[in-house]
Amino acid sequence: MIVTYILTAALVLASLIVQGHSSFEILRIAGCKPDIVFIVVVYMAYNFGSFYGETTGFIAGLFHDAISNSPLGLLAFPKMMLGYVVGFFGRSVFRQNIFTITLLIFLSSLLKGIVTLFLSYLFHTASVSSVINVIFPESFYNALLAPPLFFLFDKLFEKELAGEGY
């Protein structure tokens, strides 16, 4: 299990570096970029359960808050909440194939966006137009990137998943 923790920390760190680096701006389409950290959190929750998902979501969200200009917890709470929900329902509702992974990421990205929008509203920085301009495009973008990233993560965690019985 220690290997899983180390690989998870390395994966979250790598995704934070990629997401925070200026060269990542090249992936921006129509003013929107994917949330790779969130895809990592959903992958961990889907494959290792709710506790692992919420813990990964909370820690990754705090680091994501730290490198962004958002208030502390604004990005951590939605990732933690969705890490728990996906881990709780993930394997029992969604079987692993490309369509279900795409649907899972799309729906969880939509929910994350709505929760983040609500929290932003509390900080007086939100607008309803963000649903159309940010949340939907980011959800589609995340859904498109999720199947190849899940495939790569499956290769990375192959031994750990075999030990879990998946």
C-alpha atoms as a PDB file:
ATOM      1  CA  MET A   1       0.000   0.000   0.000  1.00  0.00           C
ATOM      2  CA  ILE A   2       2.955   2.330   0.551  1.00  0.00           C
ATOM      3  CA  VAL A   3       3.735   2.125  -3.179  1.00  0.00           C
ATOM      4  CA  THR A   4       0.195   3.298  -3.909  1.00  0.00           C
ATOM      5  CA  TYR A   5       0.650   6.316  -1.638  1.00  0.00           C
ATOM      6  CA  ILE A   6       3.971   7.221  -3.245  1.00  0.00           C
ATOM      7  CA  LEU A   7       2.598   6.831  -6.770  1.00  0.00           C
ATOM      8  CA  THR A   8      -0.475   8.881  -5.870  1.00  0.00           C
ATOM      9  CA  ALA A   9       1.636  11.683  -4.404  1.00  0.00           C
ATOM     10  CA  ALA A  10       3.876  11.682  -7.491  1.00  0.00           C
ATOM     11  CA  LEU A  11       0.861  11.707  -9.808  1.00  0.00           C
ATOM     12  CA  VAL A  12      -0.814  14.582  -7.957  1.00  0.00           C
ATOM     13  CA  LEU A  13       2.439  16.522  -7.879  1.00  0.00           C
ATOM     14  CA  ALA A  14       3.059  15.965 -11.596  1.00  0.00           C
ATOM     15  CA  SER A  15      -0.484  17.021 -12.477  1.00  0.00           C
ATOM     16  CA  LEU A  16      -0.161  20.153 -10.315  1.00  0.00           C
ATOM     17  CA  ILE A  17       3.103  21.051 -12.038  1.00  0.00           C
ATOM     18  CA  VAL A  18       1.618  20.500 -15.490  1.00  0.00           C
ATOM     19  CA  GLN A  19      -1.522  22.413 -14.609  1.00  0.00           C
ATOM     20  CA  GLY A  20       0.324  25.315 -13.001  1.00  0.00           C
ATOM     21  CA  HIS A  21       3.081  25.683 -15.571  1.00  0.00           C
ATOM     22  CA  SER A  22       2.725  28.309 -18.263  1.00  0.00           C
ATOM     23  CA  SER A  23       3.310  25.777 -21.054  1.00  0.00           C
ATOM     24  CA  PHE A  24       0.004  24.167 -20.036  1.00  0.00           C
ATOM     25  CA  GLU A  25      -1.739  27.213 -21.499  1.00  0.00           C
ATOM     26  CA  ILE A  26      -1.245  25.619 -24.911  1.00  0.00           C
ATOM     27  CA  LEU A  27      -3.949  23.105 -23.968  1.00  0.00           C
ATOM     28  CA  ARG A  28      -6.453  25.899 -23.361  1.00  0.00           C
ATOM     29  CA  ILE A  29      -9.352  25.692 -25.806  1.00  0.00           C
ATOM     30  CA  ALA A  30     -11.882  28.503 -25.966  1.00  0.00           C
ATOM     31  CA  GLY A  31     -10.587  29.895 -22.693  1.00  0.00           C
ATOM     32  CA  CYS A  32     -11.024  26.630 -20.857  1.00  0.00           C
ATOM     33  CA  LYS A  33      -8.475  24.073 -19.727  1.00  0.00           C
ATOM     34  CA  PRO A  34      -8.909  20.593 -18.265  1.00  0.00           C
ATOM     35  CA  ASP A  35      -8.583  19.884 -14.557  1.00  0.00           C
ATOM     36  CA  ILE A  36      -6.041  17.072 -14.563  1.00  0.00           C
ATOM     37  CA  VAL A  37      -5.835  17.096 -10.769  1.00  0.00           C
ATOM     38  CA  PHE A  38      -9.552  16.352 -10.637  1.00  0.00           C
ATOM     39  CA  ILE A  39      -9.192  13.495 -13.121  1.00  0.00           C
ATOM     40  CA  VAL A  40      -6.488  12.007 -10.868  1.00  0.00           C
ATOM     41  CA  VAL A  41      -8.786  12.345  -7.831  1.00  0.00           C
ATOM     42  CA  VAL A  42     -11.664  10.635  -9.639  1.00  0.00           C
ATOM     43  CA  TYR A  43      -9.361   7.853 -10.816  1.00  0.00           C
ATOM     44  CA  MET A  44      -8.131   7.237  -7.270  1.00  0.00           C
ATOM     45  CA  ALA A  45     -11.649   7.291  -5.854  1.00  0.00           C
ATOM     46  CA  TYR A  46     -12.989   5.014  -8.575  1.00  0.00           C
ATOM     47  CA  ASN A  47     -10.272   2.411  -8.153  1.00  0.00           C
ATOM     48  CA  PHE A  48      -9.393   2.559  -4.453  1.00  0.00           C
ATOM     49  CA  GLY A  49     -12.626   3.612  -2.735  1.00  0.00           C
ATOM     50  CA  SER A  50     -14.238   6.538  -0.978  1.00  0.00           C
ATOM     51  CA  PHE A  51     -11.754   7.074   1.857  1.00  0.00           C
ATOM     52  CA  TYR A  52      -8.808   7.074  -0.515  1.00  0.00           C
ATOM     53  CA  GLY A  53     -10.705   9.331  -2.924  1.00  0.00           C
ATOM     54  CA  GLU A  54     -11.706  11.907  -0.352  1.00  0.00           C
ATOM     55  CA  THR A  55      -8.225  11.975   1.182  1.00  0.00           C
ATOM     56  CA  THR A  56      -6.602  12.379  -2.217  1.00  0.00           C
ATOM     57  CA  GLY A  57      -9.177  15.019  -3.146  1.00  0.00           C
ATOM     58  CA  PHE A  58      -8.629  17.016   0.016  1.00  0.00           C
ATOM     59  CA  ILE A  59      -4.825  17.000  -0.167  1.00  0.00           C
ATOM     60  CA  ALA A  60      -4.707  17.609  -3.925  1.00  0.00           C
ATOM     61  CA  GLY A  61      -7.324  20.366  -3.563  1.00  0.00           C
ATOM     62  CA  LEU A  62      -5.331  22.108  -0.833  1.00  0.00           C
ATOM     63  CA  PHE A  63      -2.231  22.077  -3.010  1.00  0.00           C
ATOM     64  CA  HIS A  64      -4.318  23.272  -5.951  1.00  0.00           C
ATOM     65  CA  ASP A  65      -5.614  26.113  -3.767  1.00  0.00           C
ATOM     66  CA  ALA A  66      -2.046  26.942  -2.794  1.00  0.00           C
ATOM     67  CA  ILE A  67      -0.840  27.377  -6.391  1.00  0.00           C
ATOM     68  CA  SER A  68      -3.920  29.296  -7.514  1.00  0.00           C
ATOM     69  CA  ASN A  69      -5.297  32.605  -6.362  1.00  0.00           C
ATOM     70  CA  SER A  70      -8.468  31.073  -4.936  1.00  0.00           C
ATOM     71  CA  PRO A  71      -9.473  31.192  -1.259  1.00  0.00           C
ATOM     72  CA  LEU A  72      -8.216  28.253   0.780  1.00  0.00           C
ATOM     73  CA  GLY A  73     -10.673  25.383   0.484  1.00  0.00           C
ATOM     74  CA  LEU A  74     -12.492  26.609  -2.604  1.00  0.00           C
ATOM     75  CA  LEU A  75     -10.933  23.905  -4.765  1.00  0.00           C
ATOM     76  CA  ALA A  76     -10.290  21.423  -1.943  1.00  0.00           C
ATOM     77  CA  PHE A  77     -13.894  20.956  -0.792  1.00  0.00           C
ATOM     78  CA  PRO A  78     -15.394  20.000  -4.190  1.00  0.00           C
ATOM     79  CA  LYS A  79     -12.538  17.591  -4.915  1.00  0.00           C
ATOM     80  CA  MET A  80     -12.887  15.995  -1.479  1.00  0.00           C
ATOM     81  CA  MET A  81     -16.667  15.722  -1.793  1.00  0.00           C
ATOM     82  CA  LEU A  82     -16.536  14.243  -5.303  1.00  0.00           C
ATOM     83  CA  GLY A  83     -13.706  11.913  -4.275  1.00  0.00           C
ATOM     84  CA  TYR A  84     -15.994  10.505  -1.591  1.00  0.00           C
ATOM     85  CA  VAL A  85     -19.076  10.271  -3.830  1.00  0.00           C
ATOM     86  CA  VAL A  86     -17.245   8.653  -6.756  1.00  0.00           C
ATOM     87  CA  GLY A  87     -15.480   6.241  -4.417  1.00  0.00           C
ATOM     88  CA  PHE A  88     -18.750   5.333  -2.715  1.00  0.00           C
ATOM     89  CA  PHE A  89     -20.785   4.737  -5.870  1.00  0.00           C
ATOM     90  CA  GLY A  90     -18.137   4.334  -8.567  1.00  0.00           C
ATOM     91  CA  ARG A  91     -17.575   0.616  -9.024  1.00  0.00           C
ATOM     92  CA  SER A  92     -21.083  -0.387  -7.993  1.00  0.00           C
ATOM     93  CA  VAL A  93     -22.748   1.885 -10.567  1.00  0.00           C
ATOM     94  CA  PHE A  94     -20.185   2.235 -13.343  1.00  0.00           C
ATOM     95  CA  ARG A  95     -18.305  -0.698 -14.868  1.00  0.00           C
ATOM     96  CA  GLN A  96     -15.004   0.226 -16.407  1.00  0.00           C
ATOM     97  CA  ASN A  97     -15.185   0.910 -20.133  1.00  0.00           C
ATOM     98  CA  ILE A  98     -14.603   4.009 -22.223  1.00  0.00           C
ATOM     99  CA  PHE A  99     -18.220   5.144 -22.261  1.00  0.00           C
ATOM    100  CA  THR A 100     -18.750   4.848 -18.513  1.00  0.00           C
ATOM    101  CA  ILE A 101     -15.443   6.527 -17.692  1.00  0.00           C
ATOM    102  CA  THR A 102     -16.337   9.405 -20.007  1.00  0.00           C
ATOM    103  CA  LEU A 103     -19.807   9.673 -18.476  1.00  0.00           C
ATOM    104  CA  LEU A 104     -18.425   9.423 -14.925  1.00  0.00           C
ATOM    105  CA  ILE A 105     -15.892  12.202 -15.509  1.00  0.00           C
ATOM    106  CA  PHE A 106     -18.440  14.380 -17.312  1.00  0.00           C
ATOM    107  CA  LEU A 107     -21.055  14.088 -14.554  1.00  0.00           C
ATOM    108  CA  SER A 108     -18.577  14.484 -11.717  1.00  0.00           C
ATOM    109  CA  SER A 109     -16.993  17.501 -13.454  1.00  0.00           C
ATOM    110  CA  LEU A 110     -20.423  19.082 -13.795  1.00  0.00           C
ATOM    111  CA  LEU A 111     -21.132  18.509 -10.099  1.00  0.00           C
ATOM    112  CA  LYS A 112     -17.693  19.824  -9.142  1.00  0.00           C
ATOM    113  CA  GLY A 113     -18.318  22.933 -11.216  1.00  0.00           C
ATOM    114  CA  ILE A 114     -21.705  23.547  -9.624  1.00  0.00           C
ATOM    115  CA  VAL A 115     -20.299  23.119  -6.095  1.00  0.00           C
ATOM    116  CA  THR A 116     -17.373  25.402  -6.929  1.00  0.00           C
ATOM    117  CA  LEU A 117     -19.789  27.948  -8.411  1.00  0.00           C
ATOM    118  CA  PHE A 118     -21.874  27.876  -5.230  1.00  0.00           C
ATOM    119  CA  LEU A 119     -18.775  28.330  -3.063  1.00  0.00           C
ATOM    120  CA  SER A 120     -17.592  31.147  -5.337  1.00  0.00           C
ATOM    121  CA  TYR A 121     -20.981  32.777  -4.915  1.00  0.00           C
ATOM    122  CA  LEU A 122     -20.348  32.815  -1.155  1.00  0.00           C
ATOM    123  CA  PHE A 123     -17.087  34.686  -1.818  1.00  0.00           C
ATOM    124  CA  HIS A 124     -18.909  37.067  -4.229  1.00  0.00           C
ATOM    125  CA  THR A 125     -16.809  36.023  -7.204  1.00  0.00           C
ATOM    126  CA  ALA A 126     -19.296  33.904  -9.147  1.00  0.00           C
ATOM    127  CA  SER A 127     -21.646  34.541 -12.001  1.00  0.00           C
ATOM    128  CA  VAL A 128     -24.288  32.265 -13.493  1.00  0.00           C
ATOM    129  CA  SER A 129     -22.715  32.666 -16.927  1.00  0.00           C
ATOM    130  CA  SER A 130     -19.834  30.548 -15.620  1.00  0.00           C
ATOM    131  CA  VAL A 131     -22.059  27.494 -16.064  1.00  0.00           C
ATOM    132  CA  ILE A 132     -22.082  28.006 -19.835  1.00  0.00           C
ATOM    133  CA  ASN A 133     -18.642  29.543 -20.268  1.00  0.00           C
ATOM    134  CA  VAL A 134     -16.565  27.415 -17.886  1.00  0.00           C
ATOM    135  CA  ILE A 135     -18.343  24.428 -16.355  1.00  0.00           C
ATOM    136  CA  PHE A 136     -19.727  22.764 -19.512  1.00  0.00           C
ATOM    137  CA  PRO A 137     -16.571  23.214 -21.623  1.00  0.00           C
ATOM    138  CA  GLU A 138     -14.344  22.002 -18.784  1.00  0.00           C
ATOM    139  CA  SER A 139     -16.604  18.983 -18.250  1.00  0.00           C
ATOM    140  CA  PHE A 140     -16.409  18.053 -21.929  1.00  0.00           C
ATOM    141  CA  TYR A 141     -12.672  18.595 -21.951  1.00  0.00           C
ATOM    142  CA  ASN A 142     -12.195  16.449 -18.841  1.00  0.00           C
ATOM    143  CA  ALA A 143     -14.426  13.753 -20.326  1.00  0.00           C
ATOM    144  CA  LEU A 144     -12.347  13.682 -23.518  1.00  0.00           C
ATOM    145  CA  LEU A 145      -9.049  13.406 -21.649  1.00  0.00           C
ATOM    146  CA  ALA A 146     -10.211  10.873 -19.075  1.00  0.00           C
ATOM    147  CA  PRO A 147     -10.126   7.601 -21.102  1.00  0.00           C
ATOM    148  CA  PRO A 148      -6.482   7.914 -22.233  1.00  0.00           C
ATOM    149  CA  LEU A 149      -5.417   9.155 -18.799  1.00  0.00           C
ATOM    150  CA  PHE A 150      -7.298   6.314 -17.072  1.00  0.00           C
ATOM    151  CA  PHE A 151      -5.526   3.891 -19.417  1.00  0.00           C
ATOM    152  CA  LEU A 152      -2.130   5.359 -18.471  1.00  0.00           C
ATOM    153  CA  PHE A 153      -3.005   5.334 -14.772  1.00  0.00           C
ATOM    154  CA  ASP A 154      -4.161   1.707 -15.054  1.00  0.00           C
ATOM    155  CA  LYS A 155      -0.723   0.821 -16.422  1.00  0.00           C
ATOM    156  CA  LEU A 156       0.947   2.785 -13.611  1.00  0.00           C
ATOM    157  CA  PHE A 157      -1.137   1.142 -10.857  1.00  0.00           C
ATOM    158  CA  GLU A 158      -1.324  -2.300 -12.512  1.00  0.00           C
ATOM    159  CA  LYS A 159       0.252  -4.222  -9.615  1.00  0.00           C
ATOM    160  CA  GLU A 160      -1.719  -2.347  -6.950  1.00  0.00           C
ATOM    161  CA  LEU A 161      -5.006  -2.926  -8.764  1.00  0.00           C
ATOM    162  CA  ALA A 162      -4.179  -6.629  -9.154  1.00  0.00           C
ATOM    163  CA  GLY A 163      -3.606  -6.759  -5.396  1.00  0.00           C
ATOM    164  CA  GLU A 164      -6.987  -5.115  -4.776  1.00  0.00           C
ATOM    165  CA  GLY A 165      -8.713  -7.715  -6.940  1.00  0.00           C
ATOM    166  CA  TYR A 166      -9.815  -5.395  -9.773  1.00  0.00           C
END
